[in-house]
Amino acid sequence: MGAKISSDLIRGHTDTIVLGILKEGDSYGYEIYKKIIEKSEGQYELKEATLYSSFRRLEQEGCVTSYWGSETQGGRRKYYSMTASGETLYKRNRDDWEFTKEVIDKLL
């Protein structure tokens, strides 16, 4: 497996990464954790503690809501769902990232 990305470079983008996954549909912690590894092709793994503090932050800011899944889904899992505020935050952060990337590409 290749190099892993520095967590310092990604730290400020955790919430946006989580929102990007929730944009595809409601999900629960472990599934989101796995999707991040999958999407980064194994080059980035979000620590569980970081993921759950992101959920708490996003929920406090009204960007996500959570609910308990049914027993039939294999145990009671807490699902997270993106709100309209979450969608707005995702788009704004995504635009900011595109701009930052352009500037850094020019500087490097």
PDB file of N, CA and C in Angstrom:
ATOM      1  N   MET A   1       0.852  -1.193   0.000  1.00  0.00           N
ATOM      2  CA  MET A   1       0.000   0.000   0.000  1.00  0.00           C
ATOM      3  C   MET A   1       0.886   1.241   0.000  1.00  0.00           C
ATOM      4  N   GLY A   2       0.447   2.277  -0.701  1.00  0.00           N
ATOM      5  CA  GLY A   2       1.204   3.524  -0.814  1.00  0.00           C
ATOM      6  C   GLY A   2       1.216   4.325   0.469  1.00  0.00           C
ATOM      7  N   ALA A   3       1.734   5.524   0.363  1.00  0.00           N
ATOM      8  CA  ALA A   3       1.833   6.412   1.520  1.00  0.00           C
ATOM      9  C   ALA A   3       0.449   6.852   1.975  1.00  0.00           C
ATOM     10  N   LYS A   4       0.361   7.169   3.248  1.00  0.00           N
ATOM     11  CA  LYS A   4      -0.892   7.714   3.791  1.00  0.00           C
ATOM     12  C   LYS A   4      -0.743   9.230   3.847  1.00  0.00           C
ATOM     13  N   ILE A   5      -1.843   9.924   3.650  1.00  0.00           N
ATOM     14  CA  ILE A   5      -1.824  11.386   3.685  1.00  0.00           C
ATOM     15  C   ILE A   5      -1.639  11.861   5.122  1.00  0.00           C
ATOM     16  N   SER A   6      -0.971  12.971   5.287  1.00  0.00           N
ATOM     17  CA  SER A   6      -0.762  13.541   6.613  1.00  0.00           C
ATOM     18  C   SER A   6      -2.103  13.971   7.190  1.00  0.00           C
ATOM     19  N   SER A   7      -2.385  13.536   8.419  1.00  0.00           N
ATOM     20  CA  SER A   7      -3.668  13.904   9.026  1.00  0.00           C
ATOM     21  C   SER A   7      -3.731  15.406   9.281  1.00  0.00           C
ATOM     22  N   ASP A   8      -2.573  16.069   9.384  1.00  0.00           N
ATOM     23  CA  ASP A   8      -2.545  17.528   9.569  1.00  0.00           C
ATOM     24  C   ASP A   8      -3.187  18.241   8.380  1.00  0.00           C
ATOM     25  N   LEU A   9      -2.955  17.721   7.181  1.00  0.00           N
ATOM     26  CA  LEU A   9      -3.495  18.349   5.976  1.00  0.00           C
ATOM     27  C   LEU A   9      -5.010  18.217   5.895  1.00  0.00           C
ATOM     28  N   ILE A  10      -5.543  17.171   6.515  1.00  0.00           N
ATOM     29  CA  ILE A  10      -6.970  16.887   6.392  1.00  0.00           C
ATOM     30  C   ILE A  10      -7.757  17.376   7.595  1.00  0.00           C
ATOM     31  N   ARG A  11      -7.089  17.575   8.727  1.00  0.00           N
ATOM     32  CA  ARG A  11      -7.779  17.860   9.991  1.00  0.00           C
ATOM     33  C   ARG A  11      -8.916  18.865   9.874  1.00  0.00           C
ATOM     34  N   GLY A  12      -8.695  19.986   9.231  1.00  0.00           N
ATOM     35  CA  GLY A  12      -9.722  21.022   9.122  1.00  0.00           C
ATOM     36  C   GLY A  12     -10.863  20.668   8.191  1.00  0.00           C
ATOM     37  N   HIS A  13     -10.755  19.529   7.517  1.00  0.00           N
ATOM     38  CA  HIS A  13     -11.753  19.158   6.512  1.00  0.00           C
ATOM     39  C   HIS A  13     -12.618  17.971   6.925  1.00  0.00           C
ATOM     40  N   THR A  14     -12.418  17.491   8.167  1.00  0.00           N
ATOM     41  CA  THR A  14     -13.152  16.307   8.631  1.00  0.00           C
ATOM     42  C   THR A  14     -14.656  16.464   8.476  1.00  0.00           C
ATOM     43  N   ASP A  15     -15.201  17.578   8.947  1.00  0.00           N
ATOM     44  CA  ASP A  15     -16.650  17.778   8.891  1.00  0.00           C
ATOM     45  C   ASP A  15     -17.147  17.754   7.446  1.00  0.00           C
ATOM     46  N   THR A  16     -16.396  18.360   6.553  1.00  0.00           N
ATOM     47  CA  THR A  16     -16.784  18.408   5.138  1.00  0.00           C
ATOM     48  C   THR A  16     -16.741  17.014   4.523  1.00  0.00           C
ATOM     49  N   ILE A  17     -15.744  16.223   4.910  1.00  0.00           N
ATOM     50  CA  ILE A  17     -15.635  14.844   4.415  1.00  0.00           C
ATOM     51  C   ILE A  17     -16.847  14.032   4.873  1.00  0.00           C
ATOM     52  N   VAL A  18     -17.205  14.172   6.146  1.00  0.00           N
ATOM     53  CA  VAL A  18     -18.365  13.463   6.699  1.00  0.00           C
ATOM     54  C   VAL A  18     -19.638  13.900   5.967  1.00  0.00           C
ATOM     55  N   LEU A  19     -19.801  15.201   5.779  1.00  0.00           N
ATOM     56  CA  LEU A  19     -20.987  15.712   5.070  1.00  0.00           C
ATOM     57  C   LEU A  19     -21.023  15.190   3.635  1.00  0.00           C
ATOM     58  N   GLY A  20     -19.866  15.111   3.006  1.00  0.00           N
ATOM     59  CA  GLY A  20     -19.791  14.607   1.629  1.00  0.00           C
ATOM     60  C   GLY A  20     -20.308  13.181   1.529  1.00  0.00           C
ATOM     61  N   ILE A  21     -20.047  12.378   2.557  1.00  0.00           N
ATOM     62  CA  ILE A  21     -20.532  10.999   2.564  1.00  0.00           C
ATOM     63  C   ILE A  21     -22.028  10.976   2.862  1.00  0.00           C
ATOM     64  N   LEU A  22     -22.471  11.820   3.790  1.00  0.00           N
ATOM     65  CA  LEU A  22     -23.903  11.869   4.126  1.00  0.00           C
ATOM     66  C   LEU A  22     -24.741  12.427   2.977  1.00  0.00           C
ATOM     67  N   LYS A  23     -24.097  13.167   2.076  1.00  0.00           N
ATOM     68  CA  LYS A  23     -24.767  13.687   0.888  1.00  0.00           C
ATOM     69  C   LYS A  23     -25.317  12.530   0.048  1.00  0.00           C
ATOM     70  N   GLU A  24     -24.646  11.387   0.129  1.00  0.00           N
ATOM     71  CA  GLU A  24     -25.046  10.197  -0.635  1.00  0.00           C
ATOM     72  C   GLU A  24     -26.192   9.449   0.049  1.00  0.00           C
ATOM     73  N   GLY A  25     -26.514   9.835   1.290  1.00  0.00           N
ATOM     74  CA  GLY A  25     -27.598   9.168   2.010  1.00  0.00           C
ATOM     75  C   GLY A  25     -27.257   8.973   3.475  1.00  0.00           C
ATOM     76  N   ASP A  26     -28.267   8.728   4.278  1.00  0.00           N
ATOM     77  CA  ASP A  26     -28.075   8.523   5.715  1.00  0.00           C
ATOM     78  C   ASP A  26     -27.128   7.347   5.951  1.00  0.00           C
ATOM     79  N   SER A  27     -26.363   7.449   7.015  1.00  0.00           N
ATOM     80  CA  SER A  27     -25.399   6.399   7.304  1.00  0.00           C
ATOM     81  C   SER A  27     -25.063   6.399   8.787  1.00  0.00           C
ATOM     82  N   TYR A  28     -24.363   5.360   9.238  1.00  0.00           N
ATOM     83  CA  TYR A  28     -23.958   5.259  10.638  1.00  0.00           C
ATOM     84  C   TYR A  28     -22.429   5.254  10.732  1.00  0.00           C
ATOM     85  N   GLY A  29     -21.937   5.457  11.919  1.00  0.00           N
ATOM     86  CA  GLY A  29     -20.508   5.654  12.154  1.00  0.00           C
ATOM     87  C   GLY A  29     -19.566   4.702  11.451  1.00  0.00           C
ATOM     88  N   TYR A  30     -19.732   3.398  11.688  1.00  0.00           N
ATOM     89  CA  TYR A  30     -18.774   2.442  11.125  1.00  0.00           C
ATOM     90  C   TYR A  30     -18.824   2.415   9.600  1.00  0.00           C
ATOM     91  N   GLU A  31     -20.027   2.577   9.049  1.00  0.00           N
ATOM     92  CA  GLU A  31     -20.173   2.594   7.591  1.00  0.00           C
ATOM     93  C   GLU A  31     -19.457   3.822   7.001  1.00  0.00           C
ATOM     94  N   ILE A  32     -19.586   4.962   7.665  1.00  0.00           N
ATOM     95  CA  ILE A  32     -18.917   6.183   7.212  1.00  0.00           C
ATOM     96  C   ILE A  32     -17.397   6.004   7.301  1.00  0.00           C
ATOM     97  N   TYR A  33     -16.939   5.435   8.399  1.00  0.00           N
ATOM     98  CA  TYR A  33     -15.512   5.135   8.604  1.00  0.00           C
ATOM     99  C   TYR A  33     -14.988   4.294   7.438  1.00  0.00           C
ATOM    100  N   LYS A  34     -15.729   3.226   7.090  1.00  0.00           N
ATOM    101  CA  LYS A  34     -15.305   2.342   5.995  1.00  0.00           C
ATOM    102  C   LYS A  34     -15.323   3.058   4.649  1.00  0.00           C
ATOM    103  N   LYS A  35     -16.340   3.901   4.428  1.00  0.00           N
ATOM    104  CA  LYS A  35     -16.442   4.619   3.149  1.00  0.00           C
ATOM    105  C   LYS A  35     -15.274   5.582   2.963  1.00  0.00           C
ATOM    106  N   ILE A  36     -14.808   6.201   4.054  1.00  0.00           N
ATOM    107  CA  ILE A  36     -13.679   7.137   3.965  1.00  0.00           C
ATOM    108  C   ILE A  36     -12.416   6.379   3.533  1.00  0.00           C
ATOM    109  N   ILE A  37     -12.191   5.206   4.107  1.00  0.00           N
ATOM    110  CA  ILE A  37     -11.031   4.378   3.722  1.00  0.00           C
ATOM    111  C   ILE A  37     -11.160   3.964   2.255  1.00  0.00           C
ATOM    112  N   GLU A  38     -12.358   3.539   1.895  1.00  0.00           N
ATOM    113  CA  GLU A  38     -12.623   3.080   0.528  1.00  0.00           C
ATOM    114  C   GLU A  38     -12.417   4.206  -0.490  1.00  0.00           C
ATOM    115  N   LYS A  39     -13.039   5.379  -0.227  1.00  0.00           N
ATOM    116  CA  LYS A  39     -12.938   6.505  -1.161  1.00  0.00           C
ATOM    117  C   LYS A  39     -11.502   7.014  -1.303  1.00  0.00           C
ATOM    118  N   SER A  40     -10.722   6.929  -0.217  1.00  0.00           N
ATOM    119  CA  SER A  40      -9.334   7.405  -0.284  1.00  0.00           C
ATOM    120  C   SER A  40      -8.398   6.292  -0.770  1.00  0.00           C
ATOM    121  N   GLU A  41      -8.971   5.156  -1.146  1.00  0.00           N
ATOM    122  CA  GLU A  41      -8.206   3.995  -1.604  1.00  0.00           C
ATOM    123  C   GLU A  41      -7.162   3.596  -0.565  1.00  0.00           C
ATOM    124  N   GLY A  42      -7.557   3.644   0.695  1.00  0.00           N
ATOM    125  CA  GLY A  42      -6.686   3.219   1.791  1.00  0.00           C
ATOM    126  C   GLY A  42      -5.634   4.233   2.201  1.00  0.00           C
ATOM    127  N   GLN A  43      -5.659   5.412   1.608  1.00  0.00           N
ATOM    128  CA  GLN A  43      -4.633   6.408   1.920  1.00  0.00           C
ATOM    129  C   GLN A  43      -4.996   7.311   3.090  1.00  0.00           C
ATOM    130  N   TYR A  44      -6.250   7.206   3.559  1.00  0.00           N
ATOM    131  CA  TYR A  44      -6.648   7.999   4.713  1.00  0.00           C
ATOM    132  C   TYR A  44      -7.618   7.213   5.576  1.00  0.00           C
ATOM    133  N   GLU A  45      -7.319   7.188   6.858  1.00  0.00           N
ATOM    134  CA  GLU A  45      -8.184   6.510   7.820  1.00  0.00           C
ATOM    135  C   GLU A  45      -8.475   7.499   8.931  1.00  0.00           C
ATOM    136  N   LEU A  46      -9.748   7.783   9.117  1.00  0.00           N
ATOM    137  CA  LEU A  46     -10.168   8.737  10.139  1.00  0.00           C
ATOM    138  C   LEU A  46     -10.268   8.010  11.470  1.00  0.00           C
ATOM    139  N   LYS A  47      -9.624   8.546  12.484  1.00  0.00           N
ATOM    140  CA  LYS A  47      -9.719   7.924  13.806  1.00  0.00           C
ATOM    141  C   LYS A  47     -11.163   8.006  14.292  1.00  0.00           C
ATOM    142  N   GLU A  48     -11.590   6.950  14.982  1.00  0.00           N
ATOM    143  CA  GLU A  48     -12.974   6.868  15.462  1.00  0.00           C
ATOM    144  C   GLU A  48     -13.337   8.064  16.340  1.00  0.00           C
ATOM    145  N   ALA A  49     -12.438   8.448  17.230  1.00  0.00           N
ATOM    146  CA  ALA A  49     -12.702   9.581  18.138  1.00  0.00           C
ATOM    147  C   ALA A  49     -12.921  10.866  17.347  1.00  0.00           C
ATOM    148  N   THR A  50     -12.138  11.052  16.289  1.00  0.00           N
ATOM    149  CA  THR A  50     -12.249  12.240  15.432  1.00  0.00           C
ATOM    150  C   THR A  50     -13.597  12.234  14.717  1.00  0.00           C
ATOM    151  N   LEU A  51     -13.999  11.063  14.249  1.00  0.00           N
ATOM    152  CA  LEU A  51     -15.267  10.918  13.544  1.00  0.00           C
ATOM    153  C   LEU A  51     -16.435  11.268  14.466  1.00  0.00           C
ATOM    154  N   TYR A  52     -16.412  10.726  15.682  1.00  0.00           N
ATOM    155  CA  TYR A  52     -17.532  10.974  16.596  1.00  0.00           C
ATOM    156  C   TYR A  52     -17.552  12.409  17.111  1.00  0.00           C
ATOM    157  N   SER A  53     -16.398  13.042  17.241  1.00  0.00           N
ATOM    158  CA  SER A  53     -16.428  14.455  17.644  1.00  0.00           C
ATOM    159  C   SER A  53     -16.943  15.310  16.490  1.00  0.00           C
ATOM    160  N   SER A  54     -16.714  14.875  15.259  1.00  0.00           N
ATOM    161  CA  SER A  54     -17.276  15.559  14.090  1.00  0.00           C
ATOM    162  C   SER A  54     -18.801  15.439  14.096  1.00  0.00           C
ATOM    163  N   PHE A  55     -19.325  14.233  14.384  1.00  0.00           N
ATOM    164  CA  PHE A  55     -20.776  14.051  14.469  1.00  0.00           C
ATOM    165  C   PHE A  55     -21.378  14.995  15.501  1.00  0.00           C
ATOM    166  N   ARG A  56     -20.730  15.062  16.679  1.00  0.00           N
ATOM    167  CA  ARG A  56     -21.240  15.919  17.763  1.00  0.00           C
ATOM    168  C   ARG A  56     -21.263  17.387  17.342  1.00  0.00           C
ATOM    169  N   ARG A  57     -20.162  17.827  16.731  1.00  0.00           N
ATOM    170  CA  ARG A  57     -20.040  19.215  16.280  1.00  0.00           C
ATOM    171  C   ARG A  57     -21.109  19.532  15.232  1.00  0.00           C
ATOM    172  N   LEU A  58     -21.231  18.664  14.242  1.00  0.00           N
ATOM    173  CA  LEU A  58     -22.191  18.881  13.159  1.00  0.00           C
ATOM    174  C   LEU A  58     -23.629  18.867  13.674  1.00  0.00           C
ATOM    175  N   GLU A  59     -23.884  18.029  14.668  1.00  0.00           N
ATOM    176  CA  GLU A  59     -25.237  17.963  15.231  1.00  0.00           C
ATOM    177  C   GLU A  59     -25.532  19.232  16.031  1.00  0.00           C
ATOM    178  N   GLN A  60     -24.564  19.701  16.800  1.00  0.00           N
ATOM    179  CA  GLN A  60     -24.740  20.941  17.574  1.00  0.00           C
ATOM    180  C   GLN A  60     -24.971  22.131  16.652  1.00  0.00           C
ATOM    181  N   GLU A  61     -24.323  22.121  15.485  1.00  0.00           N
ATOM    182  CA  GLU A  61     -24.458  23.224  14.527  1.00  0.00           C
ATOM    183  C   GLU A  61     -25.718  23.087  13.665  1.00  0.00           C
ATOM    184  N   GLY A  62     -26.467  22.004  13.853  1.00  0.00           N
ATOM    185  CA  GLY A  62     -27.692  21.790  13.081  1.00  0.00           C
ATOM    186  C   GLY A  62     -27.442  21.325  11.657  1.00  0.00           C
ATOM    187  N   CYS A  63     -26.238  20.807  11.390  1.00  0.00           N
ATOM    188  CA  CYS A  63     -25.886  20.357  10.041  1.00  0.00           C
ATOM    189  C   CYS A  63     -26.257  18.895   9.801  1.00  0.00           C
ATOM    190  N   VAL A  64     -26.387  18.133  10.893  1.00  0.00           N
ATOM    191  CA  VAL A  64     -26.862  16.757  10.792  1.00  0.00           C
ATOM    192  C   VAL A  64     -27.859  16.502  11.915  1.00  0.00           C
ATOM    193  N   THR A  65     -28.712  15.520  11.684  1.00  0.00           N
ATOM    194  CA  THR A  65     -29.589  15.031  12.743  1.00  0.00           C
ATOM    195  C   THR A  65     -29.282  13.547  12.880  1.00  0.00           C
ATOM    196  N   SER A  66     -29.651  12.968  14.004  1.00  0.00           N
ATOM    197  CA  SER A  66     -29.398  11.539  14.185  1.00  0.00           C
ATOM    198  C   SER A  66     -30.668  10.852  14.657  1.00  0.00           C
ATOM    199  N   TYR A  67     -30.736   9.564  14.386  1.00  0.00           N
ATOM    200  CA  TYR A  67     -31.878   8.756  14.822  1.00  0.00           C
ATOM    201  C   TYR A  67     -31.402   7.315  14.958  1.00  0.00           C
ATOM    202  N   TRP A  68     -32.129   6.543  15.726  1.00  0.00           N
ATOM    203  CA  TRP A  68     -31.776   5.132  15.925  1.00  0.00           C
ATOM    204  C   TRP A  68     -32.440   4.287  14.861  1.00  0.00           C
ATOM    205  N   GLY A  69     -31.652   3.386  14.272  1.00  0.00           N
ATOM    206  CA  GLY A  69     -32.186   2.454  13.278  1.00  0.00           C
ATOM    207  C   GLY A  69     -32.998   1.371  13.978  1.00  0.00           C
ATOM    208  N   SER A  70     -33.689   0.574  13.205  1.00  0.00           N
ATOM    209  CA  SER A  70     -34.518  -0.486  13.788  1.00  0.00           C
ATOM    210  C   SER A  70     -33.678  -1.724  14.088  1.00  0.00           C
ATOM    211  N   GLU A  71     -34.204  -2.575  14.935  1.00  0.00           N
ATOM    212  CA  GLU A  71     -33.526  -3.822  15.305  1.00  0.00           C
ATOM    213  C   GLU A  71     -33.269  -4.701  14.079  1.00  0.00           C
ATOM    214  N   THR A  72     -34.147  -4.616  13.086  1.00  0.00           N
ATOM    215  CA  THR A  72     -34.034  -5.473  11.902  1.00  0.00           C
ATOM    216  C   THR A  72     -32.791  -5.143  11.072  1.00  0.00           C
ATOM    217  N   GLN A  73     -32.205  -3.961  11.318  1.00  0.00           N
ATOM    218  CA  GLN A  73     -31.015  -3.578  10.549  1.00  0.00           C
ATOM    219  C   GLN A  73     -29.741  -4.093  11.219  1.00  0.00           C
ATOM    220  N   GLY A  74     -29.872  -5.107  12.068  1.00  0.00           N
ATOM    221  CA  GLY A  74     -28.698  -5.704  12.697  1.00  0.00           C
ATOM    222  C   GLY A  74     -28.260  -4.923  13.914  1.00  0.00           C
ATOM    223  N   GLY A  75     -29.134  -4.804  14.897  1.00  0.00           N
ATOM    224  CA  GLY A  75     -28.778  -4.061  16.108  1.00  0.00           C
ATOM    225  C   GLY A  75     -29.134  -2.599  15.945  1.00  0.00           C
ATOM    226  N   ARG A  76     -29.279  -1.924  17.073  1.00  0.00           N
ATOM    227  CA  ARG A  76     -29.669  -0.513  16.998  1.00  0.00           C
ATOM    228  C   ARG A  76     -28.459   0.361  16.731  1.00  0.00           C
ATOM    229  N   ARG A  77     -28.418   0.906  15.535  1.00  0.00           N
ATOM    230  CA  ARG A  77     -27.324   1.797  15.153  1.00  0.00           C
ATOM    231  C   ARG A  77     -27.851   3.215  15.112  1.00  0.00           C
ATOM    232  N   LYS A  78     -26.968   4.154  15.446  1.00  0.00           N
ATOM    233  CA  LYS A  78     -27.328   5.557  15.352  1.00  0.00           C
ATOM    234  C   LYS A  78     -26.998   6.024  13.935  1.00  0.00           C
ATOM    235  N   TYR A  79     -28.017   6.460  13.232  1.00  0.00           N
ATOM    236  CA  TYR A  79     -27.846   6.942  11.862  1.00  0.00           C
ATOM    237  C   TYR A  79     -27.768   8.464  11.859  1.00  0.00           C
ATOM    238  N   TYR A  80     -27.015   8.981  10.914  1.00  0.00           N
ATOM    239  CA  TYR A  80     -26.868  10.430  10.759  1.00  0.00           C
ATOM    240  C   TYR A  80     -27.427  10.825   9.405  1.00  0.00           C
ATOM    241  N   SER A  81     -28.062  11.997   9.396  1.00  0.00           N
ATOM    242  CA  SER A  81     -28.722  12.498   8.195  1.00  0.00           C
ATOM    243  C   SER A  81     -28.344  13.971   8.013  1.00  0.00           C
ATOM    244  N   MET A  82     -28.003  14.361   6.797  1.00  0.00           N
ATOM    245  CA  MET A  82     -27.629  15.750   6.534  1.00  0.00           C
ATOM    246  C   MET A  82     -28.871  16.632   6.445  1.00  0.00           C
ATOM    247  N   THR A  83     -28.788  17.820   7.025  1.00  0.00           N
ATOM    248  CA  THR A  83     -29.879  18.798   6.954  1.00  0.00           C
ATOM    249  C   THR A  83     -29.582  19.799   5.834  1.00  0.00           C
ATOM    250  N   ALA A  84     -30.515  20.715   5.599  1.00  0.00           N
ATOM    251  CA  ALA A  84     -30.303  21.774   4.594  1.00  0.00           C
ATOM    252  C   ALA A  84     -29.101  22.639   4.984  1.00  0.00           C
ATOM    253  N   SER A  85     -28.930  22.894   6.288  1.00  0.00           N
ATOM    254  CA  SER A  85     -27.768  23.670   6.761  1.00  0.00           C
ATOM    255  C   SER A  85     -26.479  22.918   6.469  1.00  0.00           C
ATOM    256  N   GLY A  86     -26.526  21.604   6.621  1.00  0.00           N
ATOM    257  CA  GLY A  86     -25.359  20.770   6.325  1.00  0.00           C
ATOM    258  C   GLY A  86     -24.992  20.840   4.854  1.00  0.00           C
ATOM    259  N   GLU A  87     -26.010  20.840   4.007  1.00  0.00           N
ATOM    260  CA  GLU A  87     -25.812  20.938   2.558  1.00  0.00           C
ATOM    261  C   GLU A  87     -25.147  22.276   2.212  1.00  0.00           C
ATOM    262  N   THR A  88     -25.617  23.352   2.839  1.00  0.00           N
ATOM    263  CA  THR A  88     -25.058  24.688   2.617  1.00  0.00           C
ATOM    264  C   THR A  88     -23.599  24.742   3.064  1.00  0.00           C
ATOM    265  N   LEU A  89     -23.334  24.206   4.260  1.00  0.00           N
ATOM    266  CA  LEU A  89     -21.965  24.188   4.787  1.00  0.00           C
ATOM    267  C   LEU A  89     -21.055  23.377   3.881  1.00  0.00           C
ATOM    268  N   TYR A  90     -21.536  22.226   3.418  1.00  0.00           N
ATOM    269  CA  TYR A  90     -20.742  21.373   2.531  1.00  0.00           C
ATOM    270  C   TYR A  90     -20.352  22.135   1.265  1.00  0.00           C
ATOM    271  N   LYS A  91     -21.344  22.788   0.640  1.00  0.00           N
ATOM    272  CA  LYS A  91     -21.075  23.519  -0.606  1.00  0.00           C
ATOM    273  C   LYS A  91     -20.078  24.654  -0.378  1.00  0.00           C
ATOM    274  N   ARG A  92     -20.259  25.398   0.728  1.00  0.00           N
ATOM    275  CA  ARG A  92     -19.357  26.514   1.026  1.00  0.00           C
ATOM    276  C   ARG A  92     -17.928  26.004   1.260  1.00  0.00           C
ATOM    277  N   ASN A  93     -17.793  24.954   2.064  1.00  0.00           N
ATOM    278  CA  ASN A  93     -16.466  24.411   2.344  1.00  0.00           C
ATOM    279  C   ASN A  93     -15.820  23.814   1.104  1.00  0.00           C
ATOM    280  N   ARG A  94     -16.641  23.233   0.254  1.00  0.00           N
ATOM    281  CA  ARG A  94     -16.153  22.638  -0.993  1.00  0.00           C
ATOM    282  C   ARG A  94     -15.599  23.750  -1.912  1.00  0.00           C
ATOM    283  N   ASP A  95     -16.338  24.849  -2.000  1.00  0.00           N
ATOM    284  CA  ASP A  95     -15.886  25.997  -2.803  1.00  0.00           C
ATOM    285  C   ASP A  95     -14.600  26.596  -2.233  1.00  0.00           C
ATOM    286  N   ASP A  96     -14.562  26.737  -0.893  1.00  0.00           N
ATOM    287  CA  ASP A  96     -13.354  27.256  -0.236  1.00  0.00           C
ATOM    288  C   ASP A  96     -12.159  26.360  -0.544  1.00  0.00           C
ATOM    289  N   TRP A  97     -12.375  25.045  -0.513  1.00  0.00           N
ATOM    290  CA  TRP A  97     -11.296  24.090  -0.777  1.00  0.00           C
ATOM    291  C   TRP A  97     -10.804  24.227  -2.220  1.00  0.00           C
ATOM    292  N   GLU A  98     -11.723  24.358  -3.173  1.00  0.00           N
ATOM    293  CA  GLU A  98     -11.338  24.505  -4.580  1.00  0.00           C
ATOM    294  C   GLU A  98     -10.465  25.753  -4.766  1.00  0.00           C
ATOM    295  N   PHE A  99     -10.864  26.833  -4.102  1.00  0.00           N
ATOM    296  CA  PHE A  99     -10.107  28.085  -4.187  1.00  0.00           C
ATOM    297  C   PHE A  99      -8.718  27.911  -3.561  1.00  0.00           C
ATOM    298  N   THR A 100      -8.669  27.317  -2.382  1.00  0.00           N
ATOM    299  CA  THR A 100      -7.401  27.089  -1.675  1.00  0.00           C
ATOM    300  C   THR A 100      -6.471  26.223  -2.517  1.00  0.00           C
ATOM    301  N   LYS A 101      -7.034  25.175  -3.119  1.00  0.00           N
ATOM    302  CA  LYS A 101      -6.256  24.256  -3.944  1.00  0.00           C
ATOM    303  C   LYS A 101      -5.631  24.999  -5.128  1.00  0.00           C
ATOM    304  N   GLU A 102      -6.403  25.875  -5.765  1.00  0.00           N
ATOM    305  CA  GLU A 102      -5.885  26.664  -6.897  1.00  0.00           C
ATOM    306  C   GLU A 102      -4.705  27.529  -6.464  1.00  0.00           C
ATOM    307  N   VAL A 103      -4.862  28.220  -5.324  1.00  0.00           N
ATOM    308  CA  VAL A 103      -3.812  29.112  -4.829  1.00  0.00           C
ATOM    309  C   VAL A 103      -2.560  28.307  -4.476  1.00  0.00           C
ATOM    310  N   ILE A 104      -2.745  27.198  -3.777  1.00  0.00           N
ATOM    311  CA  ILE A 104      -1.584  26.382  -3.384  1.00  0.00           C
ATOM    312  C   ILE A 104      -0.880  25.828  -4.620  1.00  0.00           C
ATOM    313  N   ASP A 105      -1.665  25.388  -5.610  1.00  0.00           N
ATOM    314  CA  ASP A 105      -1.062  24.892  -6.856  1.00  0.00           C
ATOM    315  C   ASP A 105      -0.201  25.972  -7.515  1.00  0.00           C
ATOM    316  N   LYS A 106      -0.652  27.223  -7.472  1.00  0.00           N
ATOM    317  CA  LYS A 106       0.121  28.335  -8.031  1.00  0.00           C
ATOM    318  C   LYS A 106       1.406  28.566  -7.241  1.00  0.00           C
ATOM    319  N   LEU A 107       1.299  28.444  -5.914  1.00  0.00           N
ATOM    320  CA  LEU A 107       2.444  28.730  -5.052  1.00  0.00           C
ATOM    321  C   LEU A 107       3.473  27.607  -5.034  1.00  0.00           C
ATOM    322  N   LEU A 108       3.042  26.388  -5.262  1.00  0.00           N
ATOM    323  CA  LEU A 108       3.984  25.274  -5.233  1.00  0.00           C
ATOM    324  C   LEU A 108       4.438  24.975  -6.641  1.00  0.00           C
TER     325      LEU A 108
END
